[in-house]
């Protein structure tokens, strides 16, 4: 069976949408505040909240995150264990 370019694009787009939904679902299950304003992410996030009888969350606003404090990264390093 051959797949056209159009069909392949649709399959890829659906897979990306599913990943975003799954990430939102996992974040809500973990109790993490919403991280992305993406509609698919928020749908997954809010599905968990609605299933647990909580009100749906609003997407995060740009610049609403806490500024990073360099002192918190004092012992952070890239890579594996030392």
PDB file of N, CA and C in Angstrom:
ATOM      1  N   UNK A   1       0.833  -1.173   0.000  1.00  0.00           N
ATOM      2  CA  UNK A   1       0.000   0.000   0.000  1.00  0.00           C
ATOM      3  C   UNK A   1       0.885   1.246   0.000  1.00  0.00           C
ATOM      4  N   UNK A   2       0.597   2.146  -0.911  1.00  0.00           N
ATOM      5  CA  UNK A   2       1.366   3.379  -0.993  1.00  0.00           C
ATOM      6  C   UNK A   2       0.683   4.476  -0.200  1.00  0.00           C
ATOM      7  N   UNK A   3       1.501   5.350   0.361  1.00  0.00           N
ATOM      8  CA  UNK A   3       0.993   6.487   1.117  1.00  0.00           C
ATOM      9  C   UNK A   3       1.403   7.754   0.379  1.00  0.00           C
ATOM     10  N   UNK A   4       0.448   8.625   0.167  1.00  0.00           N
ATOM     11  CA  UNK A   4       0.754   9.878  -0.511  1.00  0.00           C
ATOM     12  C   UNK A   4       1.411  10.848   0.458  1.00  0.00           C
ATOM     13  N   UNK A   5       2.040  11.884  -0.085  1.00  0.00           N
ATOM     14  CA  UNK A   5       2.666  12.902   0.763  1.00  0.00           C
ATOM     15  C   UNK A   5       1.630  13.552   1.674  1.00  0.00           C
ATOM     16  N   UNK A   6       0.457  13.768   1.147  1.00  0.00           N
ATOM     17  CA  UNK A   6      -0.606  14.397   1.933  1.00  0.00           C
ATOM     18  C   UNK A   6      -1.001  13.509   3.122  1.00  0.00           C
ATOM     19  N   UNK A   7      -1.129  12.202   2.873  1.00  0.00           N
ATOM     20  CA  UNK A   7      -1.477  11.270   3.941  1.00  0.00           C
ATOM     21  C   UNK A   7      -0.367  11.210   4.983  1.00  0.00           C
ATOM     22  N   UNK A   8       0.879  11.218   4.540  1.00  0.00           N
ATOM     23  CA  UNK A   8       2.008  11.170   5.460  1.00  0.00           C
ATOM     24  C   UNK A   8       2.040  12.418   6.346  1.00  0.00           C
ATOM     25  N   UNK A   9       1.803  13.572   5.755  1.00  0.00           N
ATOM     26  CA  UNK A   9       1.761  14.807   6.537  1.00  0.00           C
ATOM     27  C   UNK A   9       0.665  14.738   7.598  1.00  0.00           C
ATOM     28  N   UNK A  10      -0.497  14.204   7.229  1.00  0.00           N
ATOM     29  CA  UNK A  10      -1.607  14.105   8.178  1.00  0.00           C
ATOM     30  C   UNK A  10      -1.256  13.148   9.317  1.00  0.00           C
ATOM     31  N   UNK A  11      -0.615  12.033   8.987  1.00  0.00           N
ATOM     32  CA  UNK A  11      -0.216  11.057  10.011  1.00  0.00           C
ATOM     33  C   UNK A  11       0.775  11.689  10.984  1.00  0.00           C
ATOM     34  N   UNK A  12       1.748  12.418  10.470  1.00  0.00           N
ATOM     35  CA  UNK A  12       2.748  13.073  11.319  1.00  0.00           C
ATOM     36  C   UNK A  12       2.087  14.128  12.197  1.00  0.00           C
ATOM     37  N   UNK A  13       1.193  14.932  11.624  1.00  0.00           N
ATOM     38  CA  UNK A  13       0.512  15.972  12.392  1.00  0.00           C
ATOM     39  C   UNK A  13      -0.310  15.352  13.527  1.00  0.00           C
ATOM     40  N   UNK A  14      -1.004  14.258  13.241  1.00  0.00           N
ATOM     41  CA  UNK A  14      -1.799  13.593  14.276  1.00  0.00           C
ATOM     42  C   UNK A  14      -0.911  13.029  15.378  1.00  0.00           C
ATOM     43  N   UNK A  15       0.255  12.498  15.016  1.00  0.00           N
ATOM     44  CA  UNK A  15       1.177  11.951  16.016  1.00  0.00           C
ATOM     45  C   UNK A  15       1.707  13.055  16.921  1.00  0.00           C
ATOM     46  N   UNK A  16       2.022  14.202  16.348  1.00  0.00           N
ATOM     47  CA  UNK A  16       2.513  15.322  17.147  1.00  0.00           C
ATOM     48  C   UNK A  16       1.425  15.806  18.082  1.00  0.00           C
ATOM     49  N   UNK A  17       0.198  15.920  17.575  1.00  0.00           N
ATOM     50  CA  UNK A  17      -0.919  16.338  18.413  1.00  0.00           C
ATOM     51  C   UNK A  17      -1.113  15.370  19.572  1.00  0.00           C
ATOM     52  N   UNK A  18      -0.969  14.070  19.320  1.00  0.00           N
ATOM     53  CA  UNK A  18      -1.154  13.058  20.363  1.00  0.00           C
ATOM     54  C   UNK A  18      -0.064  13.183  21.429  1.00  0.00           C
ATOM     55  N   UNK A  19       1.163  13.476  21.010  1.00  0.00           N
ATOM     56  CA  UNK A  19       2.253  13.637  21.977  1.00  0.00           C
ATOM     57  C   UNK A  19       1.974  14.813  22.903  1.00  0.00           C
ATOM     58  N   UNK A  20       1.482  15.902  22.345  1.00  0.00           N
ATOM     59  CA  UNK A  20       1.172  17.082  23.146  1.00  0.00           C
ATOM     60  C   UNK A  20       0.043  16.773  24.129  1.00  0.00           C
ATOM     61  N   UNK A  21      -0.979  16.070  23.661  1.00  0.00           N
ATOM     62  CA  UNK A  21      -2.097  15.678  24.525  1.00  0.00           C
ATOM     63  C   UNK A  21      -1.590  14.803  25.669  1.00  0.00           C
ATOM     64  N   UNK A  22      -0.760  13.815  25.330  1.00  0.00           N
ATOM     65  CA  UNK A  22      -0.228  12.899  26.343  1.00  0.00           C
ATOM     66  C   UNK A  22       0.612  13.635  27.387  1.00  0.00           C
ATOM     67  N   UNK A  23       1.400  14.606  26.945  1.00  0.00           N
ATOM     68  CA  UNK A  23       2.224  15.380  27.869  1.00  0.00           C
ATOM     69  C   UNK A  23       1.346  16.172  28.839  1.00  0.00           C
ATOM     70  N   UNK A  24       0.292  16.784  28.336  1.00  0.00           N
ATOM     71  CA  UNK A  24      -0.636  17.506  29.204  1.00  0.00           C
ATOM     72  C   UNK A  24      -1.312  16.581  30.194  1.00  0.00           C
ATOM     73  N   UNK A  25      -1.672  15.398  29.730  1.00  0.00           N
ATOM     74  CA  UNK A  25      -2.311  14.392  30.586  1.00  0.00           C
ATOM     75  C   UNK A  25      -1.359  13.974  31.706  1.00  0.00           C
ATOM     76  N   UNK A  26      -0.103  13.709  31.356  1.00  0.00           N
ATOM     77  CA  UNK A  26       0.891  13.290  32.347  1.00  0.00           C
ATOM     78  C   UNK A  26       1.177  14.400  33.368  1.00  0.00           C
ATOM     79  N   UNK A  27       1.262  15.640  32.888  1.00  0.00           N
ATOM     80  CA  UNK A  27       1.520  16.751  33.809  1.00  0.00           C
ATOM     81  C   UNK A  27       0.383  16.902  34.817  1.00  0.00           C
ATOM     82  N   UNK A  28      -0.844  16.791  34.345  1.00  0.00           N
ATOM     83  CA  UNK A  28      -1.986  16.920  35.254  1.00  0.00           C
ATOM     84  C   UNK A  28      -2.022  15.770  36.251  1.00  0.00           C
ATOM     85  N   UNK A  29      -1.705  14.557  35.802  1.00  0.00           N
ATOM     86  CA  UNK A  29      -1.690  13.408  36.698  1.00  0.00           C
ATOM     87  C   UNK A  29      -0.611  13.574  37.767  1.00  0.00           C
ATOM     88  N   UNK A  30       0.480  14.256  37.422  1.00  0.00           N
ATOM     89  CA  UNK A  30       1.585  14.469  38.360  1.00  0.00           C
ATOM     90  C   UNK A  30       1.363  15.675  39.268  1.00  0.00           C
ATOM     91  N   UNK A  31       0.332  16.453  38.998  1.00  0.00           N
ATOM     92  CA  UNK A  31       0.067  17.635  39.812  1.00  0.00           C
ATOM     93  C   UNK A  31       0.891  18.840  39.428  1.00  0.00           C
ATOM     94  N   UNK A  32       1.482  18.815  38.243  1.00  0.00           N
ATOM     95  CA  UNK A  32       2.292  19.928  37.760  1.00  0.00           C
ATOM     96  C   UNK A  32       1.362  20.979  37.148  1.00  0.00           C
ATOM     97  N   UNK A  33       1.656  22.253  37.382  1.00  0.00           N
ATOM     98  CA  UNK A  33       0.881  23.330  36.774  1.00  0.00           C
ATOM     99  C   UNK A  33       1.024  23.268  35.251  1.00  0.00           C
ATOM    100  N   UNK A  34       0.040  23.750  34.489  1.00  0.00           N
ATOM    101  CA  UNK A  34       0.147  23.741  33.021  1.00  0.00           C
ATOM    102  C   UNK A  34       1.403  24.464  32.545  1.00  0.00           C
ATOM    103  N   UNK A  35       2.108  23.861  31.599  1.00  0.00           N
ATOM    104  CA  UNK A  35       3.374  24.398  31.122  1.00  0.00           C
ATOM    105  C   UNK A  35       3.288  25.005  29.727  1.00  0.00           C
ATOM    106  N   UNK A  36       2.349  24.541  28.900  1.00  0.00           N
ATOM    107  CA  UNK A  36       2.271  24.975  27.508  1.00  0.00           C
ATOM    108  C   UNK A  36       0.894  25.528  27.180  1.00  0.00           C
ATOM    109  N   UNK A  37       0.826  26.569  26.349  1.00  0.00           N
ATOM    110  CA  UNK A  37      -0.479  27.092  25.945  1.00  0.00           C
ATOM    111  C   UNK A  37      -1.083  26.337  24.763  1.00  0.00           C
ATOM    112  N   UNK A  38      -0.442  25.267  24.318  1.00  0.00           N
ATOM    113  CA  UNK A  38      -0.901  24.484  23.164  1.00  0.00           C
ATOM    114  C   UNK A  38      -2.296  23.903  23.433  1.00  0.00           C
ATOM    115  N   UNK A  39      -3.227  24.032  22.479  1.00  0.00           N
ATOM    116  CA  UNK A  39      -4.595  23.526  22.691  1.00  0.00           C
ATOM    117  C   UNK A  39      -4.663  22.021  22.972  1.00  0.00           C
ATOM    118  N   UNK A  40      -3.839  21.221  22.287  1.00  0.00           N
ATOM    119  CA  UNK A  40      -3.860  19.776  22.516  1.00  0.00           C
ATOM    120  C   UNK A  40      -3.317  19.432  23.900  1.00  0.00           C
ATOM    121  N   UNK A  41      -2.286  20.144  24.316  1.00  0.00           N
ATOM    122  CA  UNK A  41      -1.724  19.954  25.656  1.00  0.00           C
ATOM    123  C   UNK A  41      -2.790  20.259  26.704  1.00  0.00           C
ATOM    124  N   UNK A  42      -3.459  21.400  26.542  1.00  0.00           N
ATOM    125  CA  UNK A  42      -4.472  21.813  27.512  1.00  0.00           C
ATOM    126  C   UNK A  42      -5.668  20.863  27.506  1.00  0.00           C
ATOM    127  N   UNK A  43      -5.991  20.274  26.356  1.00  0.00           N
ATOM    128  CA  UNK A  43      -7.094  19.318  26.304  1.00  0.00           C
ATOM    129  C   UNK A  43      -6.753  18.094  27.156  1.00  0.00           C
ATOM    130  N   UNK A  44      -5.520  17.577  27.021  1.00  0.00           N
ATOM    131  CA  UNK A  44      -5.092  16.445  27.832  1.00  0.00           C
ATOM    132  C   UNK A  44      -5.045  16.786  29.303  1.00  0.00           C
ATOM    133  N   UNK A  45      -4.558  17.985  29.603  1.00  0.00           N
ATOM    134  CA  UNK A  45      -4.460  18.452  30.995  1.00  0.00           C
ATOM    135  C   UNK A  45      -5.849  18.557  31.616  1.00  0.00           C
ATOM    136  N   UNK A  46      -6.758  19.202  30.902  1.00  0.00           N
ATOM    137  CA  UNK A  46      -8.098  19.427  31.440  1.00  0.00           C
ATOM    138  C   UNK A  46      -8.941  18.156  31.488  1.00  0.00           C
ATOM    139  N   UNK A  47      -8.677  17.196  30.621  1.00  0.00           N
ATOM    140  CA  UNK A  47      -9.402  15.923  30.694  1.00  0.00           C
ATOM    141  C   UNK A  47      -9.185  15.253  32.049  1.00  0.00           C
ATOM    142  N   UNK A  48      -7.967  15.318  32.559  1.00  0.00           N
ATOM    143  CA  UNK A  48      -7.666  14.734  33.872  1.00  0.00           C
ATOM    144  C   UNK A  48      -8.408  15.504  34.967  1.00  0.00           C
ATOM    145  N   UNK A  49      -8.374  16.827  34.885  1.00  0.00           N
ATOM    146  CA  UNK A  49      -9.041  17.635  35.906  1.00  0.00           C
ATOM    147  C   UNK A  49     -10.548  17.391  35.914  1.00  0.00           C
ATOM    148  N   UNK A  50     -11.138  17.344  34.741  1.00  0.00           N
ATOM    149  CA  UNK A  50     -12.582  17.135  34.641  1.00  0.00           C
ATOM    150  C   UNK A  50     -12.962  15.750  35.152  1.00  0.00           C
ATOM    151  N   UNK A  51     -12.146  14.744  34.825  1.00  0.00           N
ATOM    152  CA  UNK A  51     -12.419  13.385  35.298  1.00  0.00           C
ATOM    153  C   UNK A  51     -12.363  13.287  36.820  1.00  0.00           C
ATOM    154  N   UNK A  52     -11.575  14.152  37.448  1.00  0.00           N
ATOM    155  CA  UNK A  52     -11.462  14.128  38.905  1.00  0.00           C
ATOM    156  C   UNK A  52     -12.345  15.205  39.557  1.00  0.00           C
ATOM    157  N   UNK A  53     -13.351  15.675  38.825  1.00  0.00           N
ATOM    158  CA  UNK A  53     -14.334  16.652  39.324  1.00  0.00           C
ATOM    159  C   UNK A  53     -13.717  17.969  39.784  1.00  0.00           C
ATOM    160  N   UNK A  54     -12.656  18.389  39.100  1.00  0.00           N
ATOM    161  CA  UNK A  54     -12.059  19.694  39.370  1.00  0.00           C
ATOM    162  C   UNK A  54     -12.330  20.612  38.179  1.00  0.00           C
ATOM    163  N   UNK A  55     -12.350  21.918  38.375  1.00  0.00           N
ATOM    164  CA  UNK A  55     -12.597  22.831  37.255  1.00  0.00           C
ATOM    165  C   UNK A  55     -11.413  22.832  36.284  1.00  0.00           C
ATOM    166  N   UNK A  56     -11.673  23.041  35.004  1.00  0.00           N
ATOM    167  CA  UNK A  56     -10.582  23.079  34.016  1.00  0.00           C
ATOM    168  C   UNK A  56      -9.633  24.250  34.278  1.00  0.00           C
ATOM    169  N   UNK A  57      -8.398  24.069  33.901  1.00  0.00           N
ATOM    170  CA  UNK A  57      -7.364  25.096  34.083  1.00  0.00           C
ATOM    171  C   UNK A  57      -7.275  25.964  32.835  1.00  0.00           C
ATOM    172  N   UNK A  58      -6.777  27.169  33.026  1.00  0.00           N
ATOM    173  CA  UNK A  58      -6.535  28.068  31.901  1.00  0.00           C
ATOM    174  C   UNK A  58      -5.091  27.904  31.457  1.00  0.00           C
ATOM    175  N   UNK A  59      -4.818  28.106  30.160  1.00  0.00           N
ATOM    176  CA  UNK A  59      -3.433  27.990  29.686  1.00  0.00           C
ATOM    177  C   UNK A  59      -2.544  29.047  30.331  1.00  0.00           C
ATOM    178  N   UNK A  60      -1.252  28.738  30.471  1.00  0.00           N
ATOM    179  CA  UNK A  60      -0.342  29.714  31.085  1.00  0.00           C
ATOM    180  C   UNK A  60      -0.165  30.939  30.188  1.00  0.00           C
ATOM    181  N   UNK A  61       0.049  32.071  30.799  1.00  0.00           N
ATOM    182  CA  UNK A  61       0.296  33.321  30.078  1.00  0.00           C
ATOM    183  C   UNK A  61       1.796  33.441  29.803  1.00  0.00           C
ATOM    184  N   UNK A  62       2.158  34.138  28.733  1.00  0.00           N
ATOM    185  CA  UNK A  62       3.570  34.399  28.458  1.00  0.00           C
ATOM    186  C   UNK A  62       4.163  35.231  29.585  1.00  0.00           C
ATOM    187  N   UNK A  63       5.320  34.839  30.051  1.00  0.00           N
ATOM    188  CA  UNK A  63       5.993  35.578  31.100  1.00  0.00           C
ATOM    189  C   UNK A  63       5.439  35.330  32.489  1.00  0.00           C
ATOM    190  N   UNK A  64       4.596  34.303  32.633  1.00  0.00           N
ATOM    191  CA  UNK A  64       3.995  34.057  33.940  1.00  0.00           C
ATOM    192  C   UNK A  64       4.851  33.130  34.805  1.00  0.00           C
ATOM    193  N   UNK A  65       5.945  32.635  34.252  1.00  0.00           N
ATOM    194  CA  UNK A  65       6.799  31.725  35.004  1.00  0.00           C
ATOM    195  C   UNK A  65       7.679  32.462  36.002  1.00  0.00           C
ATOM    196  N   UNK A  66       8.198  31.720  36.943  1.00  0.00           N
ATOM    197  CA  UNK A  66       9.081  32.279  37.969  1.00  0.00           C
ATOM    198  C   UNK A  66      10.474  32.472  37.359  1.00  0.00           C
ATOM    199  N   UNK A  67      11.112  33.626  37.565  1.00  0.00           N
ATOM    200  CA  UNK A  67      12.461  33.834  37.035  1.00  0.00           C
ATOM    201  C   UNK A  67      13.443  32.817  37.630  1.00  0.00           C
ATOM    202  N   UNK A  68      14.384  32.405  36.823  1.00  0.00           N
ATOM    203  CA  UNK A  68      15.377  31.431  37.251  1.00  0.00           C
ATOM    204  C   UNK A  68      16.442  32.104  38.104  1.00  0.00           C
ATOM    205  N   UNK A  69      16.740  31.513  39.243  1.00  0.00           N
ATOM    206  CA  UNK A  69      17.779  32.021  40.129  1.00  0.00           C
ATOM    207  C   UNK A  69      19.055  31.223  39.872  1.00  0.00           C
ATOM    208  N   UNK A  70      20.135  31.867  39.410  1.00  0.00           N
ATOM    209  CA  UNK A  70      21.371  31.144  39.118  1.00  0.00           C
ATOM    210  C   UNK A  70      21.927  30.370  40.314  1.00  0.00           C
ATOM    211  N   UNK A  71      21.632  30.814  41.527  1.00  0.00           N
ATOM    212  CA  UNK A  71      22.121  30.111  42.712  1.00  0.00           C
ATOM    213  C   UNK A  71      21.508  28.711  42.812  1.00  0.00           C
ATOM    214  N   UNK A  72      20.306  28.534  42.249  1.00  0.00           N
ATOM    215  CA  UNK A  72      19.671  27.216  42.267  1.00  0.00           C
ATOM    216  C   UNK A  72      20.417  26.212  41.398  1.00  0.00           C
ATOM    217  N   UNK A  73      21.216  26.715  40.460  1.00  0.00           N
ATOM    218  CA  UNK A  73      21.939  25.851  39.527  1.00  0.00           C
ATOM    219  C   UNK A  73      23.399  25.684  39.906  1.00  0.00           C
ATOM    220  N   UNK A  74      23.756  26.029  41.106  1.00  0.00           N
ATOM    221  CA  UNK A  74      25.148  26.017  41.538  1.00  0.00           C
ATOM    222  C   UNK A  74      25.823  24.666  41.308  1.00  0.00           C
ATOM    223  N   UNK A  75      25.119  23.581  41.585  1.00  0.00           N
ATOM    224  CA  UNK A  75      25.725  22.252  41.460  1.00  0.00           C
ATOM    225  C   UNK A  75      25.208  21.473  40.262  1.00  0.00           C
ATOM    226  N   UNK A  76      24.467  22.139  39.382  1.00  0.00           N
ATOM    227  CA  UNK A  76      23.925  21.461  38.204  1.00  0.00           C
ATOM    228  C   UNK A  76      25.034  21.305  37.163  1.00  0.00           C
ATOM    229  N   UNK A  77      24.972  20.213  36.429  1.00  0.00           N
ATOM    230  CA  UNK A  77      25.920  20.013  35.341  1.00  0.00           C
ATOM    231  C   UNK A  77      25.244  19.188  34.241  1.00  0.00           C
ATOM    232  N   UNK A  78      25.735  19.348  33.047  1.00  0.00           N
ATOM    233  CA  UNK A  78      25.205  18.636  31.901  1.00  0.00           C
ATOM    234  C   UNK A  78      25.889  17.291  31.799  1.00  0.00           C
ATOM    235  N   UNK A  79      25.114  16.275  31.479  1.00  0.00           N
ATOM    236  CA  UNK A  79      25.693  14.952  31.319  1.00  0.00           C
ATOM    237  C   UNK A  79      25.253  14.001  32.397  1.00  0.00           C
ATOM    238  N   UNK A  80      25.977  12.902  32.499  1.00  0.00           N
ATOM    239  CA  UNK A  80      25.642  11.871  33.470  1.00  0.00           C
ATOM    240  C   UNK A  80      26.153  12.178  34.858  1.00  0.00           C
ATOM    241  N   UNK A  81      26.222  11.149  35.659  1.00  0.00           N
ATOM    242  CA  UNK A  81      26.711  11.318  37.027  1.00  0.00           C
ATOM    243  C   UNK A  81      28.189  11.587  37.065  1.00  0.00           C
ATOM    244  N   UNK A  82      28.614  12.197  38.133  1.00  0.00           N
ATOM    245  CA  UNK A  82      30.068  12.435  38.314  1.00  0.00           C
ATOM    246  C   UNK A  82      30.596  11.530  39.364  1.00  0.00           C
TER     247      UNK A  82
END
